[in-house]
Amino acid sequence: MSEFGGPEIGAPGEGGAGSTEALSEEAKQRFAAAAAGMQQIRREEKKSKRRDDQVAKAIVQFLDEADHAHLFVLISRLVARDCPSIFILAILSLIHQGCRETVKEYLSEILNEIPEPDLSASSALTKGGTIGMEEGQILIHWITRLQTVLSLDVAGILLKLMVDEKHIDGTILQLTTFVLQEFFHAQKKEVPFEKLQPLTASILQTVFEPFIPGVRKLLEERAKGTE
């Protein structure tokens, strides 16, 4: 029996020359297909490594800027939890063009079509009058970007952020609040950290909520497996 999953090879002399030629041609096609498959895997591995390098480089450049030094500890905590760096980058993309471009490139490589944000949802953010229409639309674009990145690796991201089946590491709330605070500062609006936390919590709930049930189920199944 062939170990490659193909037909059994007969003894010498069986089937004649025509059979041998056909088998040879079929073998060539199989090996060619296998080689093409391996080349594709290698290309994907190189692309993944290049993407990871780009993400790491963008984060390092971001942290090298003096104004962002206070975010270093929070980002380090998320890295220590093995939170995928692309999600960290998606958070920072609200306030840093380099991070934003890297995230967009990442999404365009993986998705045939990047989801368009529902800009009508910005009215919910601007209802109180504190957030202007243009600011609200920027935030909706950002929220959509966060959710799209999350959707591509739900378990890989959320499982790293959840401390148990009911709670998410508070570091993500702190980092996102600081990012929002810097965003409003750039809009000439000074909003205290404490007053921004409820808005941040609401945004993160919007981003995470559709995926929480599936991750909780996965956590429960894992817990049962260890009993």
Protein backbone atom coordinates (compact mmCIF):
# COMPACT_ATOMS: atom_id res chain seq x y z
CA MET A 1 0.00 0.00 0.00
CA SER A 2 1.31 3.43 -0.89
CA GLU A 3 2.08 5.63 2.16
CA PHE A 4 1.03 8.74 0.20
CA GLY A 5 -2.63 7.77 -0.05
CA GLY A 6 -2.43 6.93 -3.76
CA PRO A 7 -3.21 3.67 -5.57
CA GLU A 8 -1.26 0.50 -4.86
CA ILE A 9 1.73 0.01 -7.18
CA GLY A 10 1.72 -3.34 -9.02
CA ALA A 11 4.67 -5.66 -9.45
CA PRO A 12 7.06 -5.09 -12.41
CA GLY A 13 5.50 -6.05 -15.72
CA GLU A 14 1.88 -5.55 -14.59
CA GLY A 15 -0.18 -3.15 -16.73
CA GLY A 16 2.43 -2.56 -19.47
CA ALA A 17 4.27 0.60 -20.50
CA GLY A 18 1.12 2.69 -20.90
CA SER A 19 0.15 2.05 -17.26
CA THR A 20 3.65 3.00 -16.12
CA GLU A 21 3.55 6.27 -18.06
CA ALA A 22 0.12 7.14 -16.62
CA LEU A 23 1.31 6.39 -13.11
CA SER A 24 4.41 8.50 -13.69
CA GLU A 25 2.30 11.42 -14.89
CA GLU A 26 -0.08 11.08 -11.95
CA ALA A 27 2.86 10.98 -9.55
CA LYS A 28 4.27 14.15 -11.09
CA GLN A 29 0.93 15.90 -10.59
CA ARG A 30 0.71 14.74 -6.99
CA PHE A 31 4.24 15.91 -6.17
CA ALA A 32 3.66 19.19 -7.98
CA ALA A 33 0.48 19.77 -5.95
CA ALA A 34 2.27 18.87 -2.72
CA ALA A 35 5.17 21.21 -3.55
CA ALA A 36 2.75 24.05 -4.37
CA GLY A 37 0.98 23.46 -1.07
CA MET A 38 4.25 23.62 0.88
CA GLN A 39 5.27 26.81 -0.93
CA GLN A 40 1.92 28.39 0.01
CA ILE A 41 2.41 27.40 3.65
CA ARG A 42 5.90 28.92 3.63
CA ARG A 43 4.55 32.12 2.04
CA GLU A 44 1.85 32.37 4.71
CA GLU A 45 4.42 31.77 7.47
CA LYS A 46 6.68 34.49 6.06
CA LYS A 47 3.72 36.85 5.67
CA SER A 48 2.63 36.17 9.27
CA LYS A 49 6.14 36.79 10.60
CA ARG A 50 6.46 39.98 8.52
CA ARG A 51 3.11 41.17 9.87
CA ASP A 52 4.16 40.41 13.47
CA ASP A 53 7.42 42.30 12.89
CA GLN A 54 5.49 45.29 11.52
CA VAL A 55 3.15 45.27 14.50
CA ALA A 56 6.02 45.08 17.00
CA LYS A 57 7.88 47.86 15.17
CA ALA A 58 4.81 50.11 15.18
CA ILE A 59 4.29 49.62 18.92
CA VAL A 60 7.97 50.32 19.67
CA GLN A 61 7.87 53.51 17.56
CA PHE A 62 4.71 54.56 19.37
CA LEU A 63 6.26 54.03 22.81
CA ASP A 64 9.44 55.87 21.80
CA GLU A 65 7.43 59.08 21.64
CA ALA A 66 7.75 60.90 24.96
CA ASP A 67 4.03 61.72 25.17
CA HIS A 68 3.20 58.00 25.26
CA ALA A 69 5.60 56.87 27.99
CA HIS A 70 2.75 56.53 30.52
CA LEU A 71 1.19 53.80 28.36
CA PHE A 72 4.29 51.58 28.49
CA VAL A 73 3.36 49.78 31.73
CA LEU A 74 -0.17 49.01 30.54
CA ILE A 75 0.98 47.72 27.16
CA SER A 76 3.67 45.64 28.90
CA ARG A 77 0.99 44.04 31.10
CA LEU A 78 -1.07 43.09 28.05
CA VAL A 79 2.01 41.70 26.32
CA ALA A 80 2.74 39.68 29.47
CA ARG A 81 -0.75 38.17 29.15
CA ASP A 82 0.13 37.19 25.54
CA CYS A 83 -2.55 39.49 24.16
CA PRO A 84 -1.98 39.49 20.40
CA SER A 85 -0.11 42.65 19.50
CA ILE A 86 -2.43 43.40 16.58
CA PHE A 87 -5.27 44.04 19.03
CA ILE A 88 -3.08 46.36 21.10
CA LEU A 89 -2.23 48.13 17.87
CA ALA A 90 -5.93 48.42 17.00
CA ILE A 91 -6.54 50.22 20.30
CA LEU A 92 -3.65 52.61 19.67
CA SER A 93 -4.85 53.20 16.11
CA LEU A 94 -7.29 55.84 17.36
CA ILE A 95 -4.43 58.20 18.17
CA HIS A 96 -1.52 57.05 16.01
CA GLN A 97 -1.47 57.04 12.21
CA GLY A 98 1.34 54.46 11.94
CA CYS A 99 -0.61 52.02 14.10
CA ARG A 100 -3.75 52.70 12.08
CA GLU A 101 -2.02 52.04 8.76
CA THR A 102 -0.53 48.77 10.03
CA VAL A 103 -3.94 47.56 11.23
CA LYS A 104 -5.56 48.48 7.89
CA GLU A 105 -2.81 46.61 6.03
CA TYR A 106 -3.32 43.58 8.29
CA LEU A 107 -7.06 43.56 7.62
CA SER A 108 -6.67 44.04 3.86
CA GLU A 109 -4.29 41.06 3.68
CA ILE A 110 -6.76 38.75 5.43
CA LEU A 111 -10.16 40.00 4.29
CA ASN A 112 -11.43 40.35 0.75
CA GLU A 113 -13.59 43.22 1.94
CA ILE A 114 -13.14 45.24 5.12
CA PRO A 115 -16.49 45.89 6.88
CA GLU A 116 -17.81 49.42 6.54
CA PRO A 117 -18.79 51.10 9.81
CA ASP A 118 -22.40 51.97 10.50
CA LEU A 119 -21.95 55.73 10.82
CA SER A 120 -25.56 56.18 11.88
CA ALA A 121 -24.49 54.67 15.20
CA SER A 122 -22.43 57.78 15.87
CA SER A 123 -25.65 59.58 16.88
CA ALA A 124 -25.68 57.52 20.08
CA LEU A 125 -22.22 58.84 20.94
CA THR A 126 -23.05 62.47 20.13
CA LYS A 127 -26.43 62.54 21.90
CA GLY A 128 -25.09 64.26 25.03
CA GLY A 129 -23.48 67.06 23.03
CA THR A 130 -19.98 66.46 24.44
CA ILE A 131 -18.84 64.56 21.35
CA GLY A 132 -19.13 66.28 17.98
CA MET A 133 -20.44 64.54 14.85
CA GLU A 134 -17.00 64.26 13.23
CA GLU A 135 -15.51 62.90 16.45
CA GLY A 136 -18.35 60.42 16.73
CA GLN A 137 -17.70 59.12 13.22
CA ILE A 138 -13.98 58.72 13.95
CA LEU A 139 -14.89 56.72 17.06
CA ILE A 140 -17.30 54.51 15.09
CA HIS A 141 -14.56 53.77 12.55
CA TRP A 142 -12.26 52.86 15.46
CA ILE A 143 -14.84 50.66 17.19
CA THR A 144 -15.51 48.84 13.90
CA ARG A 145 -11.76 48.34 13.45
CA LEU A 146 -11.44 46.89 16.95
CA GLN A 147 -14.34 44.52 16.45
CA THR A 148 -13.09 43.39 13.04
CA VAL A 149 -9.63 42.58 14.42
CA LEU A 150 -11.23 40.73 17.32
CA SER A 151 -13.50 38.73 15.01
CA LEU A 152 -10.48 37.30 13.18
CA ASP A 153 -9.08 35.70 16.35
CA VAL A 154 -11.78 35.70 19.01
CA ALA A 155 -10.40 32.91 21.18
CA GLY A 156 -6.79 34.03 20.72
CA ILE A 157 -7.59 37.56 21.93
CA LEU A 158 -10.44 37.23 24.42
CA LEU A 159 -9.03 34.18 26.21
CA LYS A 160 -5.87 36.17 26.87
CA LEU A 161 -7.85 39.12 28.24
CA MET A 162 -10.34 37.24 30.44
CA VAL A 163 -9.19 36.54 34.00
CA ASP A 164 -12.14 34.17 34.45
CA GLU A 165 -15.39 33.39 32.64
CA LYS A 166 -17.03 36.59 33.90
CA HIS A 167 -14.27 39.19 34.06
CA ILE A 168 -11.87 40.86 31.64
CA ASP A 169 -8.49 42.16 32.79
CA GLY A 170 -8.90 45.78 33.85
CA THR A 171 -5.67 46.73 32.06
CA ILE A 172 -7.55 46.85 28.77
CA LEU A 173 -10.03 49.35 30.27
CA GLN A 174 -7.20 51.54 31.59
CA LEU A 175 -5.27 51.56 28.32
CA THR A 176 -8.35 52.27 26.23
CA THR A 177 -9.39 55.09 28.59
CA PHE A 178 -5.96 56.73 28.28
CA VAL A 179 -6.18 56.40 24.49
CA LEU A 180 -9.61 58.06 24.49
CA GLN A 181 -8.32 60.80 26.77
CA GLU A 182 -5.47 61.51 24.35
CA PHE A 183 -7.91 61.48 21.43
CA PHE A 184 -10.06 64.17 23.07
CA HIS A 185 -6.96 66.13 24.08
CA ALA A 186 -6.04 66.29 20.36
CA GLN A 187 -9.56 67.69 19.77
CA LYS A 188 -8.85 70.44 22.35
CA LYS A 189 -11.11 68.80 24.92
CA GLU A 190 -9.74 67.95 28.35
CA VAL A 191 -11.79 65.14 29.90
CA PRO A 192 -10.78 63.67 33.30
CA PHE A 193 -9.79 59.99 33.26
CA GLU A 194 -12.53 59.07 35.75
CA LYS A 195 -15.27 60.66 33.62
CA LEU A 196 -14.10 58.81 30.53
CA GLN A 197 -14.15 55.35 32.10
CA PRO A 198 -17.94 54.82 31.70
CA LEU A 199 -17.68 55.70 27.99
CA THR A 200 -14.70 53.37 27.61
CA ALA A 201 -16.53 50.54 29.37
CA SER A 202 -19.52 51.04 27.06
CA ILE A 203 -17.30 50.96 23.96
CA LEU A 204 -15.47 47.81 25.08
CA GLN A 205 -18.79 46.16 25.90
CA THR A 206 -19.96 46.94 22.37
CA VAL A 207 -16.75 45.42 20.97
CA PHE A 208 -16.64 42.30 23.16
CA GLU A 209 -20.27 41.45 23.87
CA PRO A 210 -21.11 39.56 20.63
CA PHE A 211 -18.19 37.18 21.25
CA ILE A 212 -18.37 36.66 25.03
CA PRO A 213 -20.92 33.77 25.03
CA GLY A 214 -18.79 31.65 22.68
CA VAL A 215 -15.64 32.23 24.73
CA ARG A 216 -17.44 31.48 28.00
CA LYS A 217 -18.64 28.20 26.51
CA LEU A 218 -15.08 27.37 25.52
CA LEU A 219 -13.85 28.18 29.05
CA GLU A 220 -16.55 25.95 30.55
CA GLU A 221 -15.59 23.09 28.25
CA ARG A 222 -11.95 23.48 29.21
CA ALA A 223 -12.87 23.50 32.89
CA LYS A 224 -14.85 20.28 32.47
CA GLY A 225 -11.90 18.72 30.69
CA THR A 226 -9.64 19.33 33.70
CA GLU A 227 -12.06 17.81 36.23
